[in-house]
Every structure is written in C-alpha cells, then in structure tokens.
C-alpha cells in the first residue's frame, strides 16, 4: 500500500483484504484508472473528505486496470465507482464524480 493523494492510500488486489475488508472504520474505495478524467476530478474532493472525516471513514483507491481481480469481484463496470465497505461487506456504491457537499450528503448514512 502506498500513499497517493493526501490522506488517500492506494491498495492492490494483494492487500485489499487486510486494508479494506479487515478495517475497523468504514472504508470508501475509489475504483479508478489513470485515463479517467472524472476520477482525477474526484481526487481533491476525496483528499479533503479523508482529512476532515479521518475519525469516521478511511479512504483508499484501487486502479481497475492493475487490479482486475478485485474489480471483477465487486462488479465494477465504470470509473469512478465509489464503494463503501463496513465490517468487510460493501454497504453502498456510488458511480460517477460528485461535488464534495453532495458526496458527503450521500455518505451521511454510512458515517452516522
């Protein structure tokens, strides 16, 4: 796992289980790709949320091109897909980029 954007770590097929499924906090996973413009737009939004909500949620990203096993396992067909995991299970999925305020509103139920 390596640090990517500020407060957002990058995970891989190899460490997804330990970093996401085994995490104590809910984890928001950004399924992303280098060629994805909306994914890049979402990077500063997620970095800000990661900094502000560090006690309530952890944010990581995974490259869909380099980590196809995890991408296929969770049925990700578009980027960016944001998936929130709690206690090892996906509890919410959001497809597409969002402004920070709207994304926080959509995440409120899993942050509560």
C-alpha atoms as a PDB file:
ATOM      1  CA  UNK A   1       0.000   0.000   0.000  1.00  0.00           C
ATOM      2  CA  UNK A   2       1.354   3.435  -0.878  1.00  0.00           C
ATOM      3  CA  UNK A   3       0.130   6.911  -0.056  1.00  0.00           C
ATOM      4  CA  UNK A   4      -1.449   8.544  -3.062  1.00  0.00           C
ATOM      5  CA  UNK A   5      -3.327  11.811  -2.720  1.00  0.00           C
ATOM      6  CA  UNK A   6      -3.096  13.395   0.697  1.00  0.00           C
ATOM      7  CA  UNK A   7      -4.921  11.140   3.129  1.00  0.00           C
ATOM      8  CA  UNK A   8      -5.846   8.635   0.407  1.00  0.00           C
ATOM      9  CA  UNK A   9      -3.847   5.396   0.174  1.00  0.00           C
ATOM     10  CA  UNK A  10      -3.610   3.125  -2.840  1.00  0.00           C
ATOM     11  CA  UNK A  11      -4.484  -0.541  -2.349  1.00  0.00           C
ATOM     12  CA  UNK A  12      -3.999  -3.561  -4.606  1.00  0.00           C
ATOM     13  CA  UNK A  13      -5.549  -6.991  -5.104  1.00  0.00           C
ATOM     14  CA  UNK A  14      -2.896  -8.317  -2.705  1.00  0.00           C
ATOM     15  CA  UNK A  15      -3.637  -6.057   0.267  1.00  0.00           C
ATOM     16  CA  UNK A  16      -7.346  -5.308  -0.321  1.00  0.00           C
ATOM     17  CA  UNK A  17      -8.441  -7.879   2.264  1.00  0.00           C
ATOM     18  CA  UNK A  18      -6.231  -6.521   5.033  1.00  0.00           C
ATOM     19  CA  UNK A  19      -6.610  -2.822   4.237  1.00  0.00           C
ATOM     20  CA  UNK A  20     -10.331  -2.720   3.367  1.00  0.00           C
ATOM     21  CA  UNK A  21     -12.171  -5.850   4.474  1.00  0.00           C
ATOM     22  CA  UNK A  22     -10.311  -6.061   7.784  1.00  0.00           C
ATOM     23  CA  UNK A  23     -10.509  -2.359   8.652  1.00  0.00           C
ATOM     24  CA  UNK A  24     -12.203  -1.209  11.838  1.00  0.00           C
ATOM     25  CA  UNK A  25     -13.570   2.007  10.312  1.00  0.00           C
ATOM     26  CA  UNK A  26     -15.836   2.065   7.269  1.00  0.00           C
ATOM     27  CA  UNK A  27     -13.668   2.302   4.141  1.00  0.00           C
ATOM     28  CA  UNK A  28     -14.588   4.206   0.985  1.00  0.00           C
ATOM     29  CA  UNK A  29     -12.853   2.595  -2.003  1.00  0.00           C
ATOM     30  CA  UNK A  30     -12.449   4.643  -5.171  1.00  0.00           C
ATOM     31  CA  UNK A  31     -12.196   2.310  -8.161  1.00  0.00           C
ATOM     32  CA  UNK A  32     -10.165   4.435 -10.560  1.00  0.00           C
ATOM     33  CA  UNK A  33      -7.961   4.466 -13.662  1.00  0.00           C
ATOM     34  CA  UNK A  34      -5.153   6.732 -14.857  1.00  0.00           C
ATOM     35  CA  UNK A  35      -7.083   7.574 -18.049  1.00  0.00           C
ATOM     36  CA  UNK A  36     -10.280   8.548 -16.201  1.00  0.00           C
ATOM     37  CA  UNK A  37     -10.910  12.308 -16.191  1.00  0.00           C
ATOM     38  CA  UNK A  38     -13.770  12.281 -13.644  1.00  0.00           C
ATOM     39  CA  UNK A  39     -11.552  10.149 -11.375  1.00  0.00           C
ATOM     40  CA  UNK A  40      -8.943  12.910 -11.377  1.00  0.00           C
ATOM     41  CA  UNK A  41     -11.640  15.498 -10.587  1.00  0.00           C
ATOM     42  CA  UNK A  42     -12.646  13.436  -7.559  1.00  0.00           C
ATOM     43  CA  UNK A  43      -9.104  13.196  -6.140  1.00  0.00           C
ATOM     44  CA  UNK A  44      -9.045  16.575  -4.306  1.00  0.00           C
ATOM     45  CA  UNK A  45     -12.632  16.036  -3.089  1.00  0.00           C
ATOM     46  CA  UNK A  46     -11.715  12.688  -1.535  1.00  0.00           C
ATOM     47  CA  UNK A  47      -8.463  14.075  -0.090  1.00  0.00           C
ATOM     48  CA  UNK A  48     -10.461  16.816   1.656  1.00  0.00           C
ATOM     49  CA  UNK A  49     -13.021  14.329   2.998  1.00  0.00           C
ATOM     50  CA  UNK A  50     -10.219  11.993   4.136  1.00  0.00           C
ATOM     51  CA  UNK A  51      -8.670  14.842   6.141  1.00  0.00           C
ATOM     52  CA  UNK A  52     -11.941  16.105   7.619  1.00  0.00           C
ATOM     53  CA  UNK A  53     -13.544  12.737   8.390  1.00  0.00           C
ATOM     54  CA  UNK A  54     -10.464  10.696   9.360  1.00  0.00           C
ATOM     55  CA  UNK A  55     -12.081   9.562  12.606  1.00  0.00           C
ATOM     56  CA  UNK A  56     -15.223   8.280  10.847  1.00  0.00           C
ATOM     57  CA  UNK A  57     -14.082   6.846   7.495  1.00  0.00           C
ATOM     58  CA  UNK A  58     -10.917   5.743   5.723  1.00  0.00           C
ATOM     59  CA  UNK A  59     -10.490   6.444   2.003  1.00  0.00           C
ATOM     60  CA  UNK A  60      -8.411   4.348  -0.390  1.00  0.00           C
ATOM     61  CA  UNK A  61      -8.245   3.898  -4.123  1.00  0.00           C
ATOM     62  CA  UNK A  62      -7.559   0.942  -6.367  1.00  0.00           C
ATOM     63  CA  UNK A  63      -6.549   1.019 -10.036  1.00  0.00           C
ATOM     64  CA  UNK A  64      -9.015  -1.081 -12.046  1.00  0.00           C
ATOM     65  CA  UNK A  65      -6.514  -1.817 -14.816  1.00  0.00           C
ATOM     66  CA  UNK A  66      -3.811  -3.158 -12.500  1.00  0.00           C
ATOM     67  CA  UNK A  67      -6.159  -4.883 -10.024  1.00  0.00           C
ATOM     68  CA  UNK A  68      -8.736  -6.731 -12.081  1.00  0.00           C
ATOM     69  CA  UNK A  69      -9.421  -9.470  -9.531  1.00  0.00           C
ATOM     70  CA  UNK A  70     -10.943  -7.044  -7.015  1.00  0.00           C
ATOM     71  CA  UNK A  71     -12.642  -5.008  -9.756  1.00  0.00           C
ATOM     72  CA  UNK A  72     -14.396  -8.103 -11.125  1.00  0.00           C
ATOM     73  CA  UNK A  73     -15.228  -9.481  -7.659  1.00  0.00           C
ATOM     74  CA  UNK A  74     -17.267  -6.367  -6.848  1.00  0.00           C
ATOM     75  CA  UNK A  75     -18.823  -5.963 -10.296  1.00  0.00           C
ATOM     76  CA  UNK A  76     -17.282  -2.583 -11.048  1.00  0.00           C
ATOM     77  CA  UNK A  77     -18.156  -1.635 -14.626  1.00  0.00           C
ATOM     78  CA  UNK A  78     -17.484   2.124 -14.642  1.00  0.00           C
ATOM     79  CA  UNK A  79     -14.966   4.556 -13.205  1.00  0.00           C
ATOM     80  CA  UNK A  80     -15.069   6.230 -10.865  1.00  0.00           C
ATOM     81  CA  UNK A  81     -17.066   3.869  -8.707  1.00  0.00           C
ATOM     82  CA  UNK A  82     -17.056   4.610  -5.004  1.00  0.00           C
ATOM     83  CA  UNK A  83     -17.882   1.678  -2.774  1.00  0.00           C
ATOM     84  CA  UNK A  84     -18.176   1.864   0.998  1.00  0.00           C
ATOM     85  CA  UNK A  85     -17.250  -1.246   2.985  1.00  0.00           C
ATOM     86  CA  UNK A  86     -18.249  -1.801   6.594  1.00  0.00           C
ATOM     87  CA  UNK A  87     -17.220  -4.922   8.513  1.00  0.00           C
ATOM     88  CA  UNK A  88     -15.893  -6.482   5.309  1.00  0.00           C
ATOM     89  CA  UNK A  89     -19.096  -6.027   3.298  1.00  0.00           C
ATOM     90  CA  UNK A  90     -19.999  -3.456   0.643  1.00  0.00           C
ATOM     91  CA  UNK A  91     -22.816  -1.301   2.038  1.00  0.00           C
ATOM     92  CA  UNK A  92     -23.061   1.498  -0.545  1.00  0.00           C
ATOM     93  CA  UNK A  93     -21.986   2.130  -4.137  1.00  0.00           C
ATOM     94  CA  UNK A  94     -21.889   5.454  -5.976  1.00  0.00           C
ATOM     95  CA  UNK A  95     -20.973   5.708  -9.654  1.00  0.00           C
ATOM     96  CA  UNK A  96     -19.558   8.951 -11.035  1.00  0.00           C
ATOM     97  CA  UNK A  97     -17.898  12.066  -9.695  1.00  0.00           C
ATOM     98  CA  UNK A  98     -19.713  14.321  -7.222  1.00  0.00           C
ATOM     99  CA  UNK A  99     -19.064  17.722  -5.677  1.00  0.00           C
ATOM    100  CA  UNK A 100     -17.903  17.437  -2.069  1.00  0.00           C
ATOM    101  CA  UNK A 101     -21.157  18.635  -0.465  1.00  0.00           C
ATOM    102  CA  UNK A 102     -23.284  16.164  -2.443  1.00  0.00           C
ATOM    103  CA  UNK A 103     -20.890  13.289  -1.793  1.00  0.00           C
ATOM    104  CA  UNK A 104     -20.882  13.999   1.945  1.00  0.00           C
ATOM    105  CA  UNK A 105     -24.696  14.048   1.917  1.00  0.00           C
ATOM    106  CA  UNK A 106     -24.761  10.659   0.162  1.00  0.00           C
ATOM    107  CA  UNK A 107     -22.243   9.254   2.659  1.00  0.00           C
ATOM    108  CA  UNK A 108     -24.001  10.580   5.745  1.00  0.00           C
ATOM    109  CA  UNK A 109     -25.910   7.342   6.392  1.00  0.00           C
ATOM    110  CA  UNK A 110     -22.705   5.272   6.460  1.00  0.00           C
ATOM    111  CA  UNK A 111     -20.859   7.874   8.528  1.00  0.00           C
ATOM    112  CA  UNK A 112     -23.573   8.058  11.185  1.00  0.00           C
END
